[in-house]
N, C-alpha and C. Protein backbone atom coordinates (compact mmCIF):
# COMPACT_ATOMS: atom_id res chain seq x y z
N UNK A 1 187.94 179.68 212.94
CA UNK A 1 188.05 180.76 213.90
C UNK A 1 188.39 180.21 215.27
N UNK A 2 189.18 180.95 216.01
CA UNK A 2 189.64 180.45 217.30
C UNK A 2 189.09 181.28 218.44
N UNK A 3 188.79 180.61 219.53
CA UNK A 3 188.46 181.28 220.78
C UNK A 3 189.21 180.55 221.88
N UNK A 4 190.16 181.24 222.49
CA UNK A 4 190.96 180.66 223.57
C UNK A 4 190.81 181.56 224.79
N UNK A 5 190.24 181.04 225.86
CA UNK A 5 190.04 181.81 227.08
C UNK A 5 190.77 181.09 228.21
N UNK A 6 191.92 181.61 228.59
CA UNK A 6 192.74 180.98 229.63
C UNK A 6 192.58 181.69 230.97
N UNK A 7 192.67 180.93 232.04
CA UNK A 7 192.87 181.52 233.36
C UNK A 7 194.36 181.87 233.48
N UNK A 8 194.69 182.85 234.29
CA UNK A 8 196.10 183.18 234.50
C UNK A 8 196.73 182.16 235.44
N UNK A 9 197.88 181.66 235.04
CA UNK A 9 198.58 180.68 235.87
C UNK A 9 199.37 181.35 236.99
N UNK A 10 199.83 182.58 236.76
CA UNK A 10 200.66 183.28 237.74
C UNK A 10 200.11 184.68 237.95
N UNK A 11 200.18 185.13 239.21
CA UNK A 11 199.75 186.47 239.56
C UNK A 11 200.79 187.09 240.50
N UNK A 12 200.85 188.42 240.55
CA UNK A 12 201.83 189.06 241.44
C UNK A 12 201.53 188.78 242.90
N UNK A 13 202.58 188.77 243.71
CA UNK A 13 202.41 188.71 245.15
C UNK A 13 201.58 189.94 245.58
N UNK A 14 200.54 189.74 246.41
CA UNK A 14 199.68 190.87 246.79
C UNK A 14 200.44 192.04 247.39
N UNK A 15 201.48 191.78 248.18
CA UNK A 15 202.25 192.87 248.79
C UNK A 15 203.03 193.64 247.73
N UNK A 16 203.55 192.93 246.73
CA UNK A 16 204.27 193.59 245.64
C UNK A 16 203.29 194.45 244.84
N UNK A 17 202.13 193.89 244.53
CA UNK A 17 201.13 194.65 243.79
C UNK A 17 200.71 195.90 244.57
N UNK A 18 200.54 195.75 245.86
CA UNK A 18 200.19 196.90 246.71
C UNK A 18 201.26 197.98 246.64
N UNK A 19 202.52 197.55 246.54
CA UNK A 19 203.62 198.51 246.42
C UNK A 19 203.53 199.33 245.16
N UNK A 20 203.16 198.69 244.05
CA UNK A 20 203.01 199.44 242.79
C UNK A 20 201.82 200.39 242.86
N UNK A 21 200.75 199.97 243.49
CA UNK A 21 199.60 200.86 243.65
C UNK A 21 200.00 202.07 244.50
N UNK A 22 200.82 201.86 245.52
CA UNK A 22 201.29 202.97 246.34
C UNK A 22 202.14 203.94 245.53
N UNK A 23 202.87 203.43 244.53
CA UNK A 23 203.69 204.30 243.68
C UNK A 23 202.86 205.30 242.90
N UNK A 24 201.56 205.04 242.76
CA UNK A 24 200.70 205.96 242.03
C UNK A 24 200.58 207.31 242.73
N UNK A 25 201.04 207.37 243.97
CA UNK A 25 200.98 208.63 244.72
C UNK A 25 202.13 209.58 244.38
N UNK A 26 203.15 209.07 243.67
CA UNK A 26 204.30 209.92 243.34
C UNK A 26 204.09 210.54 241.97
N UNK A 27 204.94 211.55 241.66
CA UNK A 27 204.89 212.14 240.33
C UNK A 27 205.31 211.12 239.28
N UNK A 28 204.57 211.09 238.16
CA UNK A 28 204.96 210.34 236.95
C UNK A 28 205.42 208.91 237.26
N UNK A 29 204.56 208.08 237.85
CA UNK A 29 204.99 206.72 238.20
C UNK A 29 205.44 205.89 237.00
N UNK A 30 204.86 206.13 235.82
CA UNK A 30 205.32 205.38 234.64
C UNK A 30 206.78 205.67 234.34
N UNK A 31 207.20 206.93 234.58
CA UNK A 31 208.59 207.32 234.36
C UNK A 31 209.51 206.72 235.41
N UNK A 32 209.06 206.75 236.67
CA UNK A 32 209.86 206.21 237.76
C UNK A 32 210.14 204.72 237.52
N UNK A 33 209.11 203.98 237.13
CA UNK A 33 209.28 202.55 236.90
C UNK A 33 210.13 202.30 235.66
N UNK A 34 209.96 203.11 234.63
CA UNK A 34 210.79 202.97 233.44
C UNK A 34 212.26 203.17 233.78
N UNK A 35 212.55 204.19 234.60
CA UNK A 35 213.94 204.41 235.02
C UNK A 35 214.46 203.23 235.83
N UNK A 36 213.60 202.68 236.69
CA UNK A 36 214.01 201.57 237.55
C UNK A 36 214.40 200.34 236.76
N UNK A 37 213.82 200.18 235.56
CA UNK A 37 214.22 199.03 234.73
C UNK A 37 214.98 199.47 233.49
N UNK A 38 215.74 200.56 233.69
CA UNK A 38 216.70 201.02 232.69
C UNK A 38 216.06 201.23 231.31
N UNK A 39 214.92 201.91 231.31
CA UNK A 39 214.18 202.35 230.13
C UNK A 39 213.42 201.24 229.42
N UNK A 40 213.43 200.05 229.96
CA UNK A 40 212.74 198.93 229.31
C UNK A 40 211.24 198.97 229.64
N UNK A 41 210.46 198.29 228.80
CA UNK A 41 209.05 198.07 229.08
C UNK A 41 208.14 199.24 228.79
N UNK A 42 208.63 200.24 228.07
CA UNK A 42 207.83 201.44 227.80
C UNK A 42 207.10 201.29 226.46
N UNK A 43 205.78 201.44 226.48
CA UNK A 43 205.01 201.34 225.25
C UNK A 43 205.24 202.56 224.36
N UNK A 44 204.99 202.39 223.07
CA UNK A 44 205.20 203.47 222.10
C UNK A 44 204.42 204.72 222.49
N UNK A 45 204.96 205.86 222.13
CA UNK A 45 204.37 207.14 222.52
C UNK A 45 203.03 207.41 221.84
N UNK A 46 202.67 206.62 220.83
CA UNK A 46 201.35 206.83 220.21
C UNK A 46 200.21 206.38 221.11
N UNK A 47 200.50 205.66 222.17
CA UNK A 47 199.46 205.26 223.11
C UNK A 47 199.10 206.44 224.00
N UNK A 48 197.86 206.91 223.88
CA UNK A 48 197.43 208.12 224.59
C UNK A 48 196.24 207.82 225.51
N UNK A 49 196.24 208.41 226.72
CA UNK A 49 195.08 208.28 227.59
C UNK A 49 193.98 209.23 227.15
N UNK A 50 192.73 208.86 227.40
CA UNK A 50 191.63 209.75 227.02
C UNK A 50 191.37 210.80 228.09
N UNK A 51 192.02 210.67 229.24
CA UNK A 51 191.79 211.57 230.36
C UNK A 51 193.12 211.82 231.07
N UNK A 52 193.45 213.09 231.31
CA UNK A 52 194.72 213.40 231.99
C UNK A 52 194.74 212.89 233.43
N UNK A 53 193.57 212.58 233.98
CA UNK A 53 193.52 212.05 235.35
C UNK A 53 193.93 210.59 235.42
N UNK A 54 194.22 209.98 234.27
CA UNK A 54 194.55 208.56 234.21
C UNK A 54 195.70 208.19 235.14
N UNK A 55 195.48 207.15 235.95
CA UNK A 55 196.52 206.67 236.86
C UNK A 55 196.08 205.30 237.36
N UNK A 56 196.81 204.25 236.98
CA UNK A 56 196.45 202.90 237.44
C UNK A 56 197.67 202.01 237.46
N UNK A 57 197.58 200.94 238.24
CA UNK A 57 198.59 199.88 238.28
C UNK A 57 197.88 198.59 238.60
N UNK A 58 198.22 197.53 237.86
CA UNK A 58 197.59 196.25 238.12
C UNK A 58 198.14 195.17 237.22
N UNK A 59 197.77 193.92 237.49
CA UNK A 59 198.23 192.80 236.68
C UNK A 59 197.52 192.76 235.33
N UNK A 60 198.27 192.38 234.31
CA UNK A 60 197.74 192.36 232.95
C UNK A 60 196.83 191.16 232.72
N UNK A 61 195.65 191.44 232.19
CA UNK A 61 194.81 190.42 231.57
C UNK A 61 194.92 190.69 230.08
N UNK A 62 195.56 189.79 229.34
CA UNK A 62 195.89 190.06 227.95
C UNK A 62 194.84 189.53 226.98
N UNK A 63 194.70 190.25 225.87
CA UNK A 63 193.75 189.88 224.81
C UNK A 63 194.45 190.04 223.47
N UNK A 64 194.33 189.04 222.62
CA UNK A 64 194.85 189.15 221.25
C UNK A 64 193.70 189.00 220.26
N UNK A 65 193.59 189.97 219.35
CA UNK A 65 192.58 189.94 218.31
C UNK A 65 193.23 189.72 216.95
N UNK A 66 192.43 189.31 215.98
CA UNK A 66 192.96 188.98 214.66
C UNK A 66 192.97 190.22 213.77
N UNK A 67 194.10 190.53 213.14
CA UNK A 67 194.16 191.69 212.24
C UNK A 67 193.11 191.61 211.14
N UNK A 68 192.42 192.71 210.91
CA UNK A 68 191.46 192.79 209.82
C UNK A 68 190.15 192.06 210.06
N UNK A 69 190.00 191.44 211.21
CA UNK A 69 188.81 190.63 211.46
C UNK A 69 188.45 190.74 212.94
N UNK A 70 188.33 191.97 213.41
CA UNK A 70 188.31 192.19 214.85
C UNK A 70 186.90 192.19 215.44
N UNK A 71 186.84 191.69 216.67
CA UNK A 71 185.57 191.60 217.40
C UNK A 71 185.74 192.28 218.75
N UNK A 72 184.61 192.50 219.43
CA UNK A 72 184.68 193.04 220.79
C UNK A 72 185.36 192.02 221.71
N UNK A 73 185.98 192.52 222.79
CA UNK A 73 186.70 191.60 223.69
C UNK A 73 185.90 191.32 224.96
N UNK A 74 184.60 191.11 224.78
CA UNK A 74 183.72 190.82 225.90
C UNK A 74 184.12 189.56 226.66
N UNK A 75 184.71 188.60 225.96
CA UNK A 75 185.09 187.34 226.61
C UNK A 75 186.13 187.54 227.70
N UNK A 76 186.87 188.63 227.64
CA UNK A 76 187.85 188.90 228.70
C UNK A 76 187.17 189.04 230.05
N UNK A 77 185.94 189.51 230.04
CA UNK A 77 185.23 189.72 231.30
C UNK A 77 184.95 188.42 232.05
N UNK A 78 184.94 187.30 231.34
CA UNK A 78 184.64 186.02 231.99
C UNK A 78 185.75 185.58 232.94
N UNK A 79 186.96 186.13 232.75
CA UNK A 79 188.08 185.78 233.63
C UNK A 79 188.67 187.00 234.33
N UNK A 80 188.09 188.18 234.12
CA UNK A 80 188.62 189.40 234.73
C UNK A 80 188.41 189.38 236.23
N UNK A 81 189.39 189.95 236.95
CA UNK A 81 189.31 190.07 238.40
C UNK A 81 189.46 191.53 238.81
N UNK A 82 188.98 191.85 239.98
CA UNK A 82 189.11 193.20 240.51
C UNK A 82 190.59 193.58 240.58
N UNK A 83 190.91 194.77 240.10
CA UNK A 83 192.29 195.24 240.10
C UNK A 83 193.04 195.01 238.81
N UNK A 84 192.45 194.27 237.87
CA UNK A 84 193.12 193.96 236.60
C UNK A 84 193.25 195.18 235.70
N UNK A 85 194.23 195.10 234.81
CA UNK A 85 194.34 196.00 233.66
C UNK A 85 194.20 195.14 232.41
N UNK A 86 193.22 195.41 231.57
CA UNK A 86 193.05 194.66 230.33
C UNK A 86 193.93 195.27 229.25
N UNK A 87 194.81 194.46 228.67
CA UNK A 87 195.76 194.91 227.66
C UNK A 87 195.45 194.19 226.36
N UNK A 88 195.14 194.95 225.32
CA UNK A 88 194.63 194.38 224.07
C UNK A 88 195.59 194.61 222.92
N UNK A 89 196.01 193.52 222.30
CA UNK A 89 196.76 193.57 221.04
C UNK A 89 195.73 193.55 219.92
N UNK A 90 195.39 194.75 219.44
CA UNK A 90 194.45 194.86 218.33
C UNK A 90 195.19 195.13 217.02
N UNK A 91 196.42 194.67 216.97
CA UNK A 91 197.26 194.73 215.77
C UNK A 91 197.53 196.17 215.32
N UNK A 92 197.34 197.12 216.22
CA UNK A 92 197.60 198.51 215.87
C UNK A 92 196.63 199.09 214.87
N UNK A 93 195.51 198.42 214.63
CA UNK A 93 194.54 198.91 213.64
C UNK A 93 193.85 200.17 214.15
N UNK A 94 193.72 201.15 213.29
CA UNK A 94 193.20 202.45 213.70
C UNK A 94 191.80 202.75 213.17
N UNK A 95 191.26 201.92 212.29
CA UNK A 95 189.98 202.25 211.65
C UNK A 95 188.81 201.43 212.17
N UNK A 96 189.03 200.59 213.16
CA UNK A 96 187.97 199.82 213.80
C UNK A 96 188.09 199.95 215.31
N UNK A 97 187.00 200.32 215.96
CA UNK A 97 187.00 200.43 217.42
C UNK A 97 186.65 199.07 218.03
N UNK A 98 187.51 198.61 218.94
CA UNK A 98 187.23 197.34 219.61
C UNK A 98 186.81 197.54 221.07
N UNK A 99 186.62 198.81 221.43
CA UNK A 99 186.30 199.12 222.83
C UNK A 99 185.43 200.37 222.87
N UNK A 100 184.35 200.32 223.68
CA UNK A 100 183.46 201.47 223.80
C UNK A 100 182.99 201.70 225.21
N UNK A 101 182.01 202.57 225.35
CA UNK A 101 181.52 202.95 226.65
C UNK A 101 180.87 201.82 227.42
N UNK A 102 180.14 200.96 226.72
CA UNK A 102 179.48 199.85 227.42
C UNK A 102 180.51 198.88 227.99
N UNK A 103 181.58 198.63 227.22
CA UNK A 103 182.66 197.78 227.71
C UNK A 103 183.32 198.41 228.93
N UNK A 104 183.52 199.72 228.89
CA UNK A 104 184.10 200.41 230.03
C UNK A 104 183.23 200.26 231.27
N UNK A 105 181.92 200.38 231.09
CA UNK A 105 181.01 200.22 232.21
C UNK A 105 181.02 198.82 232.78
N UNK A 106 181.06 197.83 231.90
CA UNK A 106 181.12 196.43 232.36
C UNK A 106 182.41 196.17 233.13
N UNK A 107 183.51 196.70 232.63
CA UNK A 107 184.80 196.53 233.31
C UNK A 107 184.76 197.19 234.69
N UNK A 108 184.19 198.36 234.75
CA UNK A 108 184.12 199.06 236.02
C UNK A 108 183.33 198.25 237.05
N UNK A 109 182.26 197.61 236.61
CA UNK A 109 181.46 196.78 237.51
C UNK A 109 182.24 195.57 238.02
N UNK A 110 183.20 195.10 237.22
CA UNK A 110 184.05 193.96 237.61
C UNK A 110 185.24 194.40 238.46
N UNK A 111 185.46 195.68 238.59
CA UNK A 111 186.60 196.18 239.36
C UNK A 111 187.87 196.33 238.55
N UNK A 112 187.79 196.17 237.23
CA UNK A 112 188.95 196.39 236.37
C UNK A 112 189.36 197.87 236.47
N UNK A 113 190.66 198.14 236.63
CA UNK A 113 191.09 199.51 236.91
C UNK A 113 191.49 200.30 235.67
N UNK A 114 191.67 199.62 234.54
CA UNK A 114 192.05 200.34 233.34
C UNK A 114 192.21 199.40 232.16
N UNK A 115 192.39 200.00 230.98
CA UNK A 115 192.58 199.22 229.76
C UNK A 115 193.61 199.91 228.88
N UNK A 116 194.35 199.10 228.14
CA UNK A 116 195.36 199.58 227.20
C UNK A 116 195.10 198.88 225.88
N UNK A 117 194.77 199.65 224.84
CA UNK A 117 194.34 199.08 223.56
C UNK A 117 195.27 199.55 222.45
N UNK A 118 196.04 198.62 221.90
CA UNK A 118 196.88 198.95 220.75
C UNK A 118 196.01 198.84 219.50
N UNK A 119 195.14 199.84 219.34
CA UNK A 119 194.16 199.87 218.27
C UNK A 119 193.18 201.00 218.52
N UNK A 120 191.95 200.86 218.01
CA UNK A 120 190.98 201.92 218.10
C UNK A 120 189.93 201.71 219.18
N UNK A 121 189.45 202.82 219.74
CA UNK A 121 188.35 202.80 220.68
C UNK A 121 187.35 203.88 220.28
N UNK A 122 186.17 203.90 220.94
CA UNK A 122 185.20 204.96 220.70
C UNK A 122 184.46 205.26 222.01
N UNK A 123 183.43 206.09 221.95
CA UNK A 123 182.62 206.45 223.12
C UNK A 123 183.49 207.04 224.24
N UNK A 124 184.44 207.85 223.86
CA UNK A 124 185.35 208.41 224.86
C UNK A 124 184.62 209.35 225.83
N UNK A 125 183.56 210.01 225.37
CA UNK A 125 182.81 210.88 226.26
C UNK A 125 182.15 210.08 227.38
N UNK A 126 181.52 208.97 227.02
CA UNK A 126 180.89 208.11 228.02
C UNK A 126 181.92 207.52 228.98
N UNK A 127 183.05 207.09 228.42
CA UNK A 127 184.10 206.47 229.24
C UNK A 127 184.66 207.46 230.25
N UNK A 128 184.88 208.70 229.80
CA UNK A 128 185.36 209.73 230.73
C UNK A 128 184.34 210.00 231.83
N UNK A 129 183.06 210.07 231.45
CA UNK A 129 182.02 210.32 232.45
C UNK A 129 181.96 209.21 233.49
N UNK A 130 182.27 207.99 233.06
CA UNK A 130 182.31 206.86 234.00
C UNK A 130 183.51 206.94 234.94
N UNK A 131 184.54 207.67 234.51
CA UNK A 131 185.78 207.71 235.29
C UNK A 131 186.63 206.48 235.08
N UNK A 132 186.44 205.81 233.93
CA UNK A 132 187.24 204.63 233.61
C UNK A 132 188.42 205.06 232.75
N UNK A 133 189.61 204.48 233.02
CA UNK A 133 190.84 204.93 232.36
C UNK A 133 191.22 203.99 231.22
N UNK A 134 191.41 204.59 230.03
CA UNK A 134 191.76 203.81 228.83
C UNK A 134 192.86 204.53 228.05
N UNK A 135 193.83 203.75 227.60
CA UNK A 135 194.81 204.20 226.60
C UNK A 135 194.44 203.56 225.27
N UNK A 136 194.72 204.28 224.17
CA UNK A 136 194.52 203.69 222.85
C UNK A 136 195.46 204.32 221.84
N UNK A 137 195.55 203.67 220.71
CA UNK A 137 196.33 204.23 219.59
C UNK A 137 195.48 205.21 218.79
N UNK A 138 194.16 204.95 218.71
CA UNK A 138 193.30 205.78 217.87
C UNK A 138 191.89 205.83 218.45
N UNK A 139 191.14 206.83 218.02
CA UNK A 139 189.72 206.96 218.37
C UNK A 139 188.95 207.06 217.06
N UNK A 140 187.95 206.18 216.89
CA UNK A 140 187.24 206.11 215.61
C UNK A 140 185.81 205.61 215.85
N UNK A 141 184.80 206.12 215.13
CA UNK A 141 183.43 205.71 215.37
C UNK A 141 183.08 204.29 214.89
N UNK A 142 183.81 203.75 213.90
CA UNK A 142 183.43 202.47 213.30
C UNK A 142 183.54 201.32 214.30
N UNK A 143 182.49 200.51 214.39
CA UNK A 143 182.46 199.39 215.33
C UNK A 143 183.11 198.14 214.75
N UNK A 144 183.22 197.12 215.59
CA UNK A 144 183.68 195.81 215.16
C UNK A 144 182.53 195.06 214.46
N UNK A 145 182.87 193.85 214.00
CA UNK A 145 181.84 192.97 213.44
C UNK A 145 180.76 192.66 214.47
N UNK A 146 181.13 192.63 215.74
CA UNK A 146 180.24 192.15 216.79
C UNK A 146 178.89 192.86 216.77
N UNK A 147 178.92 194.16 216.56
CA UNK A 147 177.70 194.94 216.64
C UNK A 147 176.69 194.52 215.58
N UNK A 148 177.17 194.20 214.38
CA UNK A 148 176.26 193.87 213.29
C UNK A 148 176.02 192.38 213.13
N UNK A 149 177.00 191.55 213.51
CA UNK A 149 176.89 190.11 213.28
C UNK A 149 176.67 189.31 214.55
N UNK A 150 177.02 189.89 215.69
CA UNK A 150 176.93 189.15 216.95
C UNK A 150 178.08 188.18 217.16
N UNK A 151 179.03 188.15 216.22
CA UNK A 151 180.14 187.20 216.32
C UNK A 151 181.15 187.65 217.35
N UNK A 152 181.64 186.72 218.16
CA UNK A 152 182.58 187.03 219.24
C UNK A 152 183.89 186.27 219.11
N UNK A 153 184.24 185.84 217.92
CA UNK A 153 185.53 185.20 217.69
C UNK A 153 186.02 185.61 216.32
N UNK A 154 187.35 185.55 216.07
CA UNK A 154 188.41 184.95 216.88
C UNK A 154 188.91 185.89 217.99
N UNK A 155 189.33 185.28 219.09
CA UNK A 155 189.89 186.01 220.21
C UNK A 155 190.70 185.05 221.07
N UNK A 156 191.79 185.56 221.64
CA UNK A 156 192.58 184.78 222.59
C UNK A 156 192.78 185.63 223.84
N UNK A 157 192.51 185.05 224.99
CA UNK A 157 192.59 185.76 226.27
C UNK A 157 193.60 185.07 227.17
N UNK A 158 194.44 185.88 227.79
CA UNK A 158 195.52 185.41 228.67
C UNK A 158 196.51 184.53 227.93
N UNK A 159 197.04 185.12 226.85
CA UNK A 159 198.15 184.55 226.09
C UNK A 159 199.21 185.65 225.97
N UNK A 160 200.46 185.30 225.69
CA UNK A 160 201.47 186.34 225.47
C UNK A 160 201.09 187.19 224.26
N UNK A 161 201.25 188.51 224.39
CA UNK A 161 200.92 189.42 223.29
C UNK A 161 202.04 190.44 223.13
N UNK A 162 201.97 191.18 222.02
CA UNK A 162 202.79 192.36 221.85
C UNK A 162 201.86 193.56 221.77
N UNK A 163 202.06 194.54 222.63
CA UNK A 163 201.21 195.72 222.66
C UNK A 163 202.09 196.97 222.60
N UNK A 164 201.94 197.71 221.52
CA UNK A 164 202.67 198.97 221.35
C UNK A 164 204.17 198.79 221.58
N UNK A 165 204.72 197.72 221.04
CA UNK A 165 206.15 197.50 221.07
C UNK A 165 206.68 196.77 222.28
N UNK A 166 205.80 196.35 223.20
CA UNK A 166 206.22 195.67 224.41
C UNK A 166 205.57 194.29 224.49
N UNK A 167 206.37 193.28 224.79
CA UNK A 167 205.82 191.95 225.05
C UNK A 167 205.15 191.97 226.42
N UNK A 168 203.89 191.54 226.47
CA UNK A 168 203.13 191.52 227.72
C UNK A 168 202.62 190.11 227.95
N UNK A 169 202.94 189.57 229.11
CA UNK A 169 202.45 188.25 229.50
C UNK A 169 201.37 188.42 230.57
N UNK A 170 200.44 187.47 230.64
CA UNK A 170 199.42 187.54 231.68
C UNK A 170 200.05 187.65 233.06
N UNK A 171 199.58 188.61 233.85
CA UNK A 171 200.10 188.79 235.21
C UNK A 171 201.21 189.81 235.33
N UNK A 172 201.79 190.26 234.20
CA UNK A 172 202.78 191.34 234.28
C UNK A 172 202.14 192.58 234.89
N UNK A 173 202.96 193.42 235.52
CA UNK A 173 202.46 194.64 236.14
C UNK A 173 202.41 195.75 235.08
N UNK A 174 201.26 196.42 234.98
CA UNK A 174 201.07 197.51 234.02
C UNK A 174 200.81 198.79 234.79
N UNK A 175 201.62 199.83 234.50
CA UNK A 175 201.47 201.13 235.15
C UNK A 175 201.14 202.16 234.10
N UNK A 176 200.04 202.89 234.30
CA UNK A 176 199.65 203.92 233.36
C UNK A 176 199.37 205.24 234.06
N UNK A 177 199.79 206.33 233.42
CA UNK A 177 199.46 207.67 233.92
C UNK A 177 199.38 208.59 232.71
N UNK A 178 199.24 209.90 232.93
CA UNK A 178 199.08 210.80 231.80
C UNK A 178 200.29 210.84 230.88
N UNK A 179 201.44 210.35 231.36
CA UNK A 179 202.66 210.36 230.54
C UNK A 179 202.69 209.19 229.57
N UNK A 180 202.28 207.99 230.03
CA UNK A 180 202.34 206.81 229.18
C UNK A 180 202.16 205.52 229.97
N UNK A 181 202.59 204.42 229.35
CA UNK A 181 202.40 203.08 229.92
C UNK A 181 203.74 202.37 230.01
N UNK A 182 204.02 201.79 231.18
CA UNK A 182 205.21 200.97 231.39
C UNK A 182 204.79 199.62 231.93
N UNK A 183 205.46 198.57 231.44
CA UNK A 183 205.14 197.20 231.83
C UNK A 183 206.34 196.56 232.53
N UNK A 184 206.07 195.89 233.64
CA UNK A 184 207.12 195.20 234.39
C UNK A 184 206.86 193.69 234.31
N UNK A 185 207.81 192.91 233.79
CA UNK A 185 207.62 191.46 233.76
C UNK A 185 207.38 190.91 235.16
N UNK A 186 206.46 189.99 235.27
CA UNK A 186 206.08 189.45 236.58
C UNK A 186 207.27 188.92 237.35
N UNK A 187 208.19 188.26 236.66
CA UNK A 187 209.32 187.64 237.34
C UNK A 187 210.29 188.68 237.92
N UNK A 188 210.21 189.92 237.44
CA UNK A 188 211.09 190.98 237.93
C UNK A 188 210.36 191.97 238.85
N UNK A 189 209.10 191.72 239.13
CA UNK A 189 208.26 192.74 239.76
C UNK A 189 208.78 193.18 241.12
N UNK A 190 209.22 192.24 241.95
CA UNK A 190 209.66 192.61 243.29
C UNK A 190 210.96 193.43 243.24
N UNK A 191 211.89 192.98 242.42
CA UNK A 191 213.18 193.69 242.29
C UNK A 191 212.97 195.11 241.75
N UNK A 192 212.15 195.25 240.71
CA UNK A 192 211.92 196.55 240.11
C UNK A 192 211.16 197.47 241.06
N UNK A 193 210.25 196.91 241.85
CA UNK A 193 209.53 197.73 242.82
C UNK A 193 210.49 198.39 243.80
N UNK A 194 211.45 197.64 244.31
CA UNK A 194 212.42 198.19 245.26
C UNK A 194 213.22 199.31 244.61
N UNK A 195 213.64 199.11 243.37
CA UNK A 195 214.40 200.14 242.66
C UNK A 195 213.53 201.37 242.40
N UNK A 196 212.26 201.15 242.05
CA UNK A 196 211.36 202.26 241.78
C UNK A 196 211.08 203.06 243.05
N UNK A 197 210.92 202.37 244.16
CA UNK A 197 210.71 203.07 245.44
C UNK A 197 211.91 203.93 245.79
N UNK A 198 213.12 203.38 245.58
CA UNK A 198 214.34 204.14 245.84
C UNK A 198 214.45 205.33 244.89
N UNK A 199 214.09 205.12 243.62
CA UNK A 199 214.13 206.19 242.63
C UNK A 199 213.17 207.31 243.02
N UNK A 200 211.95 206.95 243.42
CA UNK A 200 210.96 207.96 243.82
C UNK A 200 211.44 208.75 245.03
N UNK A 201 212.04 208.06 245.99
CA UNK A 201 212.54 208.74 247.18
C UNK A 201 213.67 209.71 246.82
N UNK A 202 214.56 209.29 245.92
CA UNK A 202 215.66 210.17 245.50
C UNK A 202 215.13 211.40 244.77
N UNK A 203 214.12 211.19 243.93
CA UNK A 203 213.56 212.33 243.20
C UNK A 203 212.94 213.33 244.16
N UNK A 204 212.26 212.84 245.17
CA UNK A 204 211.65 213.76 246.14
C UNK A 204 212.73 214.51 246.93
N UNK A 205 213.81 213.80 247.28
CA UNK A 205 214.92 214.46 247.97
C UNK A 205 215.55 215.53 247.07
N UNK A 206 215.63 215.24 245.78
CA UNK A 206 216.18 216.21 244.82
C UNK A 206 215.28 217.44 244.74
N UNK A 207 213.98 217.23 244.71
CA UNK A 207 213.04 218.37 244.68
C UNK A 207 213.23 219.26 245.90
N UNK A 208 213.39 218.63 247.05
CA UNK A 208 213.58 219.39 248.28
C UNK A 208 214.88 220.19 248.23
N UNK A 209 215.92 219.56 247.65
CA UNK A 209 217.20 220.26 247.52
C UNK A 209 217.08 221.44 246.57
N UNK A 210 216.31 221.28 245.51
CA UNK A 210 216.08 222.39 244.57
C UNK A 210 215.36 223.53 245.28
N UNK A 211 214.35 223.18 246.07
CA UNK A 211 213.61 224.21 246.80
C UNK A 211 214.49 224.94 247.82
N UNK A 212 215.52 224.23 248.29
CA UNK A 212 216.43 224.85 249.27
C UNK A 212 217.48 225.73 248.61
N UNK A 213 217.52 225.72 247.26
CA UNK A 213 218.41 226.63 246.55
C UNK A 213 219.71 226.03 246.06
N UNK A 214 219.85 224.70 246.09
CA UNK A 214 221.11 224.10 245.64
C UNK A 214 221.28 224.25 244.13
N UNK A 215 222.53 224.35 243.69
CA UNK A 215 222.85 224.52 242.28
C UNK A 215 222.85 223.16 241.57
N UNK A 216 222.89 223.22 240.23
CA UNK A 216 222.97 221.99 239.44
C UNK A 216 224.21 221.19 239.83
N UNK A 217 225.34 221.89 239.98
CA UNK A 217 226.58 221.19 240.33
C UNK A 217 226.46 220.50 241.68
N UNK A 218 225.85 221.18 242.64
CA UNK A 218 225.66 220.58 243.96
C UNK A 218 224.72 219.39 243.91
N UNK A 219 223.69 219.50 243.10
CA UNK A 219 222.73 218.40 242.96
C UNK A 219 223.40 217.17 242.35
N UNK A 220 224.20 217.41 241.29
CA UNK A 220 224.89 216.30 240.63
C UNK A 220 225.89 215.64 241.57
N UNK A 221 226.55 216.45 242.36
CA UNK A 221 227.51 215.90 243.30
C UNK A 221 226.82 215.05 244.38
N UNK A 222 225.64 215.49 244.80
CA UNK A 222 224.93 214.77 245.87
C UNK A 222 224.18 213.56 245.37
N UNK A 223 223.51 213.71 244.20
CA UNK A 223 222.60 212.65 243.74
C UNK A 223 223.12 211.89 242.53
N UNK A 224 224.10 212.43 241.82
CA UNK A 224 224.67 211.72 240.68
C UNK A 224 223.90 211.85 239.40
N UNK A 225 222.68 212.41 239.49
CA UNK A 225 221.83 212.57 238.29
C UNK A 225 220.70 213.51 238.62
N UNK A 226 220.03 213.97 237.57
CA UNK A 226 218.82 214.78 237.74
C UNK A 226 217.68 214.10 237.01
């Protein structure tokens, strides 16, 4: 059995990260960022938030679990930092919950802003009451081995993973809202932020033009798209 707990070697520039957090003030930031990177980085539509109020942006702390032999990802907390988004490759398994209310509470105490689990979670009522934001593929009562055996491996933390069809590396920017989850590679974060900011500004200008009574033809002529 393996246990690998890595520190992140690279993190986003604080000003760039602040820019993504500011984008949370616009409509559908996951969509805006997806458009900015030409539809790339969008997780599968089966990933659903447990709360429509969900809205977060932060650097990825990645976790990989072993298919068919899954444990709780408590070890991620040993390297978690305030502002992180924990992204878990739970192999898409739907019949074992690897995340619950107690984990949500512990994350909240560490300042973690959200979690994305390509697998099962439980205790959604408790998690909602905490105001902690989680995406998952499934919700199921069955726990991991951890609850009955106390075993906390195998697990790998801060390694490259695949989550809901997207490759996620430690430190990549993760944006989640009620629509879905979009991931921006760390090396492209500054460039994509500028494009996303421009996209958001254009969308707001388009809304204002619609309110002023402009036609579809006029909008297309002015903005080139809707």
